[in-house]
Amino acid sequence: MSKKEKKQAQAPAPPVRPPVQEEKANFLTMFSKLDSGQRHRILAYLFWLLGIFIILFAYRAA
């Protein structure tokens, strides 16, 4: 076998990735970085969703 044939038989090594040292962002830290308008909008959506679930639960329970 020639040297070229030996080199072709070997698979190329996958690139080595360094370990990622990222902080896992939790909801409170992400929420604290928002401005007041975005906070109000998110809280309004959560309030409406909670209201819809309460109404649906009351309707099913009746």
PDB file of N, CA and C in Angstrom:
ATOM      1  N   MET A   1       0.829  -1.192   0.000  1.00  0.00           N
ATOM      2  CA  MET A   1       0.000   0.000   0.000  1.00  0.00           C
ATOM      3  C   MET A   1       0.871   1.253   0.000  1.00  0.00           C
ATOM      4  N   SER A   2       0.425   2.211  -0.706  1.00  0.00           N
ATOM      5  CA  SER A   2       1.176   3.465  -0.716  1.00  0.00           C
ATOM      6  C   SER A   2       0.719   4.353   0.438  1.00  0.00           C
ATOM      7  N   LYS A   3       1.437   5.420   0.658  1.00  0.00           N
ATOM      8  CA  LYS A   3       1.106   6.332   1.758  1.00  0.00           C
ATOM      9  C   LYS A   3      -0.232   7.033   1.519  1.00  0.00           C
ATOM     10  N   LYS A   4      -0.575   7.326   0.271  1.00  0.00           N
ATOM     11  CA  LYS A   4      -1.835   8.004  -0.046  1.00  0.00           C
ATOM     12  C   LYS A   4      -3.032   7.125   0.329  1.00  0.00           C
ATOM     13  N   GLU A   5      -2.954   5.832   0.067  1.00  0.00           N
ATOM     14  CA  GLU A   5      -4.052   4.934   0.388  1.00  0.00           C
ATOM     15  C   GLU A   5      -4.271   4.838   1.892  1.00  0.00           C
ATOM     16  N   LYS A   6      -3.194   4.841   2.653  1.00  0.00           N
ATOM     17  CA  LYS A   6      -3.320   4.784   4.112  1.00  0.00           C
ATOM     18  C   LYS A   6      -3.998   6.039   4.656  1.00  0.00           C
ATOM     19  N   LYS A   7      -3.656   7.186   4.098  1.00  0.00           N
ATOM     20  CA  LYS A   7      -4.244   8.440   4.569  1.00  0.00           C
ATOM     21  C   LYS A   7      -5.725   8.523   4.230  1.00  0.00           C
ATOM     22  N   GLN A   8      -6.132   8.006   3.091  1.00  0.00           N
ATOM     23  CA  GLN A   8      -7.531   8.067   2.699  1.00  0.00           C
ATOM     24  C   GLN A   8      -8.389   7.129   3.541  1.00  0.00           C
ATOM     25  N   ALA A   9      -7.848   6.060   4.046  1.00  0.00           N
ATOM     26  CA  ALA A   9      -8.610   5.092   4.817  1.00  0.00           C
ATOM     27  C   ALA A   9      -9.011   5.653   6.189  1.00  0.00           C
ATOM     28  N   GLN A  10      -8.228   6.598   6.714  1.00  0.00           N
ATOM     29  CA  GLN A  10      -8.543   7.150   8.029  1.00  0.00           C
ATOM     30  C   GLN A  10      -9.613   8.228   7.909  1.00  0.00           C
ATOM     31  N   ALA A  11     -10.576   8.188   8.822  1.00  0.00           N
ATOM     32  CA  ALA A  11     -11.617   9.212   8.842  1.00  0.00           C
ATOM     33  C   ALA A  11     -11.062  10.475   9.484  1.00  0.00           C
ATOM     34  N   PRO A  12     -11.472  11.647   9.001  1.00  0.00           N
ATOM     35  CA  PRO A  12     -10.987  12.886   9.625  1.00  0.00           C
ATOM     36  C   PRO A  12     -11.548  13.032  11.039  1.00  0.00           C
ATOM     37  N   ALA A  13     -10.721  13.550  11.935  1.00  0.00           N
ATOM     38  CA  ALA A  13     -11.146  13.717  13.329  1.00  0.00           C
ATOM     39  C   ALA A  13     -12.161  14.864  13.425  1.00  0.00           C
ATOM     40  N   PRO A  14     -13.235  14.694  14.210  1.00  0.00           N
ATOM     41  CA  PRO A  14     -14.206  15.783  14.361  1.00  0.00           C
ATOM     42  C   PRO A  14     -13.567  16.948  15.110  1.00  0.00           C
ATOM     43  N   PRO A  15     -14.008  18.178  14.822  1.00  0.00           N
ATOM     44  CA  PRO A  15     -13.425  19.331  15.516  1.00  0.00           C
ATOM     45  C   PRO A  15     -13.743  19.278  17.011  1.00  0.00           C
ATOM     46  N   VAL A  16     -12.765  19.653  17.810  1.00  0.00           N
ATOM     47  CA  VAL A  16     -12.929  19.615  19.260  1.00  0.00           C
ATOM     48  C   VAL A  16     -13.536  20.933  19.708  1.00  0.00           C
ATOM     49  N   ARG A  17     -14.658  20.853  20.439  1.00  0.00           N
ATOM     50  CA  ARG A  17     -15.319  22.059  20.928  1.00  0.00           C
ATOM     51  C   ARG A  17     -14.924  22.302  22.375  1.00  0.00           C
ATOM     52  N   PRO A  18     -14.570  23.529  22.712  1.00  0.00           N
ATOM     53  CA  PRO A  18     -14.282  23.814  24.125  1.00  0.00           C
ATOM     54  C   PRO A  18     -15.578  23.794  24.936  1.00  0.00           C
ATOM     55  N   PRO A  19     -15.516  23.433  26.198  1.00  0.00           N
ATOM     56  CA  PRO A  19     -16.748  23.424  27.005  1.00  0.00           C
ATOM     57  C   PRO A  19     -17.304  24.833  27.160  1.00  0.00           C
ATOM     58  N   VAL A  20     -18.599  24.936  27.019  1.00  0.00           N
ATOM     59  CA  VAL A  20     -19.253  26.239  27.096  1.00  0.00           C
ATOM     60  C   VAL A  20     -19.554  26.558  28.555  1.00  0.00           C
ATOM     61  N   GLN A  21     -19.125  27.717  29.007  1.00  0.00           N
ATOM     62  CA  GLN A  21     -19.347  28.140  30.390  1.00  0.00           C
ATOM     63  C   GLN A  21     -20.404  29.246  30.409  1.00  0.00           C
ATOM     64  N   GLU A  22     -21.632  28.905  30.031  1.00  0.00           N
ATOM     65  CA  GLU A  22     -22.708  29.892  30.026  1.00  0.00           C
ATOM     66  C   GLU A  22     -23.543  29.746  31.282  1.00  0.00           C
ATOM     67  N   GLU A  23     -24.035  30.887  31.746  1.00  0.00           N
ATOM     68  CA  GLU A  23     -24.985  30.836  32.852  1.00  0.00           C
ATOM     69  C   GLU A  23     -26.337  30.445  32.287  1.00  0.00           C
ATOM     70  N   LYS A  24     -27.029  29.590  33.002  1.00  0.00           N
ATOM     71  CA  LYS A  24     -28.387  29.284  32.593  1.00  0.00           C
ATOM     72  C   LYS A  24     -29.265  30.432  33.080  1.00  0.00           C
ATOM     73  N   ALA A  25     -29.860  31.126  32.132  1.00  0.00           N
ATOM     74  CA  ALA A  25     -30.676  32.281  32.485  1.00  0.00           C
ATOM     75  C   ALA A  25     -31.985  31.787  33.079  1.00  0.00           C
ATOM     76  N   ASN A  26     -32.317  32.266  34.256  1.00  0.00           N
ATOM     77  CA  ASN A  26     -33.607  31.891  34.808  1.00  0.00           C
ATOM     78  C   ASN A  26     -34.594  33.028  34.586  1.00  0.00           C
ATOM     79  N   PHE A  27     -35.860  32.759  34.833  1.00  0.00           N
ATOM     80  CA  PHE A  27     -36.920  33.699  34.485  1.00  0.00           C
ATOM     81  C   PHE A  27     -36.767  35.027  35.210  1.00  0.00           C
ATOM     82  N   LEU A  28     -36.380  34.979  36.490  1.00  0.00           N
ATOM     83  CA  LEU A  28     -36.300  36.215  37.262  1.00  0.00           C
ATOM     84  C   LEU A  28     -35.181  37.129  36.765  1.00  0.00           C
ATOM     85  N   THR A  29     -34.031  36.553  36.403  1.00  0.00           N
ATOM     86  CA  THR A  29     -32.948  37.403  35.908  1.00  0.00           C
ATOM     87  C   THR A  29     -33.298  37.976  34.538  1.00  0.00           C
ATOM     88  N   MET A  30     -33.971  37.188  33.705  1.00  0.00           N
ATOM     89  CA  MET A  30     -34.382  37.707  32.410  1.00  0.00           C
ATOM     90  C   MET A  30     -35.448  38.783  32.582  1.00  0.00           C
ATOM     91  N   PHE A  31     -36.370  38.564  33.519  1.00  0.00           N
ATOM     92  CA  PHE A  31     -37.456  39.510  33.741  1.00  0.00           C
ATOM     93  C   PHE A  31     -36.929  40.829  34.287  1.00  0.00           C
ATOM     94  N   SER A  32     -35.885  40.776  35.123  1.00  0.00           N
ATOM     95  CA  SER A  32     -35.347  42.002  35.708  1.00  0.00           C
ATOM     96  C   SER A  32     -34.621  42.865  34.677  1.00  0.00           C
ATOM     97  N   LYS A  33     -34.200  42.273  33.559  1.00  0.00           N
ATOM     98  CA  LYS A  33     -33.495  43.030  32.532  1.00  0.00           C
ATOM     99  C   LYS A  33     -34.441  43.742  31.568  1.00  0.00           C
ATOM    100  N   LEU A  34     -35.734  43.459  31.628  1.00  0.00           N
ATOM    101  CA  LEU A  34     -36.692  44.079  30.721  1.00  0.00           C
ATOM    102  C   LEU A  34     -37.051  45.480  31.198  1.00  0.00           C
ATOM    103  N   ASP A  35     -37.485  46.313  30.260  1.00  0.00           N
ATOM    104  CA  ASP A  35     -37.962  47.624  30.677  1.00  0.00           C
ATOM    105  C   ASP A  35     -39.408  47.515  31.153  1.00  0.00           C
ATOM    106  N   SER A  36     -39.922  48.598  31.739  1.00  0.00           N
ATOM    107  CA  SER A  36     -41.226  48.532  32.404  1.00  0.00           C
ATOM    108  C   SER A  36     -42.362  48.222  31.433  1.00  0.00           C
ATOM    109  N   GLY A  37     -42.271  48.711  30.191  1.00  0.00           N
ATOM    110  CA  GLY A  37     -43.326  48.433  29.214  1.00  0.00           C
ATOM    111  C   GLY A  37     -43.401  46.956  28.867  1.00  0.00           C
ATOM    112  N   GLN A  38     -42.237  46.333  28.696  1.00  0.00           N
ATOM    113  CA  GLN A  38     -42.227  44.900  28.387  1.00  0.00           C
ATOM    114  C   GLN A  38     -42.694  44.089  29.581  1.00  0.00           C
ATOM    115  N   ARG A  39     -42.305  44.496  30.800  1.00  0.00           N
ATOM    116  CA  ARG A  39     -42.772  43.797  32.003  1.00  0.00           C
ATOM    117  C   ARG A  39     -44.283  43.873  32.110  1.00  0.00           C
ATOM    118  N   HIS A  40     -44.834  45.057  31.864  1.00  0.00           N
ATOM    119  CA  HIS A  40     -46.283  45.225  31.961  1.00  0.00           C
ATOM    120  C   HIS A  40     -47.006  44.361  30.947  1.00  0.00           C
ATOM    121  N   ARG A  41     -46.470  44.291  29.728  1.00  0.00           N
ATOM    122  CA  ARG A  41     -47.094  43.482  28.681  1.00  0.00           C
ATOM    123  C   ARG A  41     -47.078  42.007  29.047  1.00  0.00           C
ATOM    124  N   ILE A  42     -45.956  41.508  29.557  1.00  0.00           N
ATOM    125  CA  ILE A  42     -45.848  40.094  29.933  1.00  0.00           C
ATOM    126  C   ILE A  42     -46.799  39.781  31.090  1.00  0.00           C
ATOM    127  N   LEU A  43     -46.823  40.652  32.084  1.00  0.00           N
ATOM    128  CA  LEU A  43     -47.727  40.422  33.215  1.00  0.00           C
ATOM    129  C   LEU A  43     -49.185  40.472  32.782  1.00  0.00           C
ATOM    130  N   ALA A  44     -49.514  41.343  31.837  1.00  0.00           N
ATOM    131  CA  ALA A  44     -50.891  41.418  31.338  1.00  0.00           C
ATOM    132  C   ALA A  44     -51.276  40.123  30.622  1.00  0.00           C
ATOM    133  N   TYR A  45     -50.362  39.597  29.788  1.00  0.00           N
ATOM    134  CA  TYR A  45     -50.645  38.327  29.116  1.00  0.00           C
ATOM    135  C   TYR A  45     -50.816  37.202  30.134  1.00  0.00           C
ATOM    136  N   LEU A  46     -49.961  37.140  31.130  1.00  0.00           N
ATOM    137  CA  LEU A  46     -50.083  36.093  32.152  1.00  0.00           C
ATOM    138  C   LEU A  46     -51.396  36.220  32.920  1.00  0.00           C
ATOM    139  N   PHE A  47     -51.793  37.453  33.225  1.00  0.00           N
ATOM    140  CA  PHE A  47     -53.049  37.681  33.931  1.00  0.00           C
ATOM    141  C   PHE A  47     -54.241  37.209  33.097  1.00  0.00           C
ATOM    142  N   TRP A  48     -54.242  37.551  31.794  1.00  0.00           N
ATOM    143  CA  TRP A  48     -55.333  37.117  30.930  1.00  0.00           C
ATOM    144  C   TRP A  48     -55.363  35.596  30.789  1.00  0.00           C
ATOM    145  N   LEU A  49     -54.216  34.968  30.667  1.00  0.00           N
ATOM    146  CA  LEU A  49     -54.190  33.505  30.575  1.00  0.00           C
ATOM    147  C   LEU A  49     -54.716  32.867  31.846  1.00  0.00           C
ATOM    148  N   LEU A  50     -54.320  33.410  32.990  1.00  0.00           N
ATOM    149  CA  LEU A  50     -54.821  32.894  34.256  1.00  0.00           C
ATOM    150  C   LEU A  50     -56.333  33.041  34.331  1.00  0.00           C
ATOM    151  N   GLY A  51     -56.846  34.182  33.917  1.00  0.00           N
ATOM    152  CA  GLY A  51     -58.290  34.408  33.921  1.00  0.00           C
ATOM    153  C   GLY A  51     -59.024  33.428  33.015  1.00  0.00           C
ATOM    154  N   ILE A  52     -58.472  33.186  31.827  1.00  0.00           N
ATOM    155  CA  ILE A  52     -59.111  32.246  30.896  1.00  0.00           C
ATOM    156  C   ILE A  52     -59.140  30.848  31.497  1.00  0.00           C
ATOM    157  N   PHE A  53     -58.032  30.417  32.124  1.00  0.00           N
ATOM    158  CA  PHE A  53     -58.013  29.088  32.724  1.00  0.00           C
ATOM    159  C   PHE A  53     -58.992  28.990  33.895  1.00  0.00           C
ATOM    160  N   ILE A  54     -59.126  30.027  34.689  1.00  0.00           N
ATOM    161  CA  ILE A  54     -60.087  30.009  35.801  1.00  0.00           C
ATOM    162  C   ILE A  54     -61.506  29.912  35.265  1.00  0.00           C
ATOM    163  N   ILE A  55     -61.818  30.676  34.212  1.00  0.00           N
ATOM    164  CA  ILE A  55     -63.164  30.627  33.625  1.00  0.00           C
ATOM    165  C   ILE A  55     -63.438  29.250  33.039  1.00  0.00           C
ATOM    166  N   LEU A  56     -62.465  28.682  32.324  1.00  0.00           N
ATOM    167  CA  LEU A  56     -62.665  27.356  31.740  1.00  0.00           C
ATOM    168  C   LEU A  56     -62.815  26.290  32.812  1.00  0.00           C
ATOM    169  N   PHE A  57     -62.032  26.386  33.880  1.00  0.00           N
ATOM    170  CA  PHE A  57     -62.147  25.422  34.969  1.00  0.00           C
ATOM    171  C   PHE A  57     -63.497  25.535  35.664  1.00  0.00           C
ATOM    172  N   ALA A  58     -63.964  26.752  35.890  1.00  0.00           N
ATOM    173  CA  ALA A  58     -65.276  26.950  36.517  1.00  0.00           C
ATOM    174  C   ALA A  58     -66.383  26.426  35.620  1.00  0.00           C
ATOM    175  N   TYR A  59     -66.248  26.603  34.323  1.00  0.00           N
ATOM    176  CA  TYR A  59     -67.257  26.116  33.376  1.00  0.00           C
ATOM    177  C   TYR A  59     -67.298  24.593  33.377  1.00  0.00           C
ATOM    178  N   ARG A  60     -66.125  23.944  33.413  1.00  0.00           N
ATOM    179  CA  ARG A  60     -66.086  22.481  33.427  1.00  0.00           C
ATOM    180  C   ARG A  60     -66.579  21.912  34.751  1.00  0.00           C
ATOM    181  N   ALA A  61     -66.337  22.630  35.843  1.00  0.00           N
ATOM    182  CA  ALA A  61     -66.734  22.127  37.154  1.00  0.00           C
ATOM    183  C   ALA A  61     -68.244  22.228  37.356  1.00  0.00           C
ATOM    184  N   ALA A  62     -68.889  23.165  36.664  1.00  0.00           N
ATOM    185  CA  ALA A  62     -70.344  23.379  36.844  1.00  0.00           C
ATOM    186  C   ALA A  62     -71.161  22.324  36.122  1.00  0.00           C
TER     187      ALA A  62
END
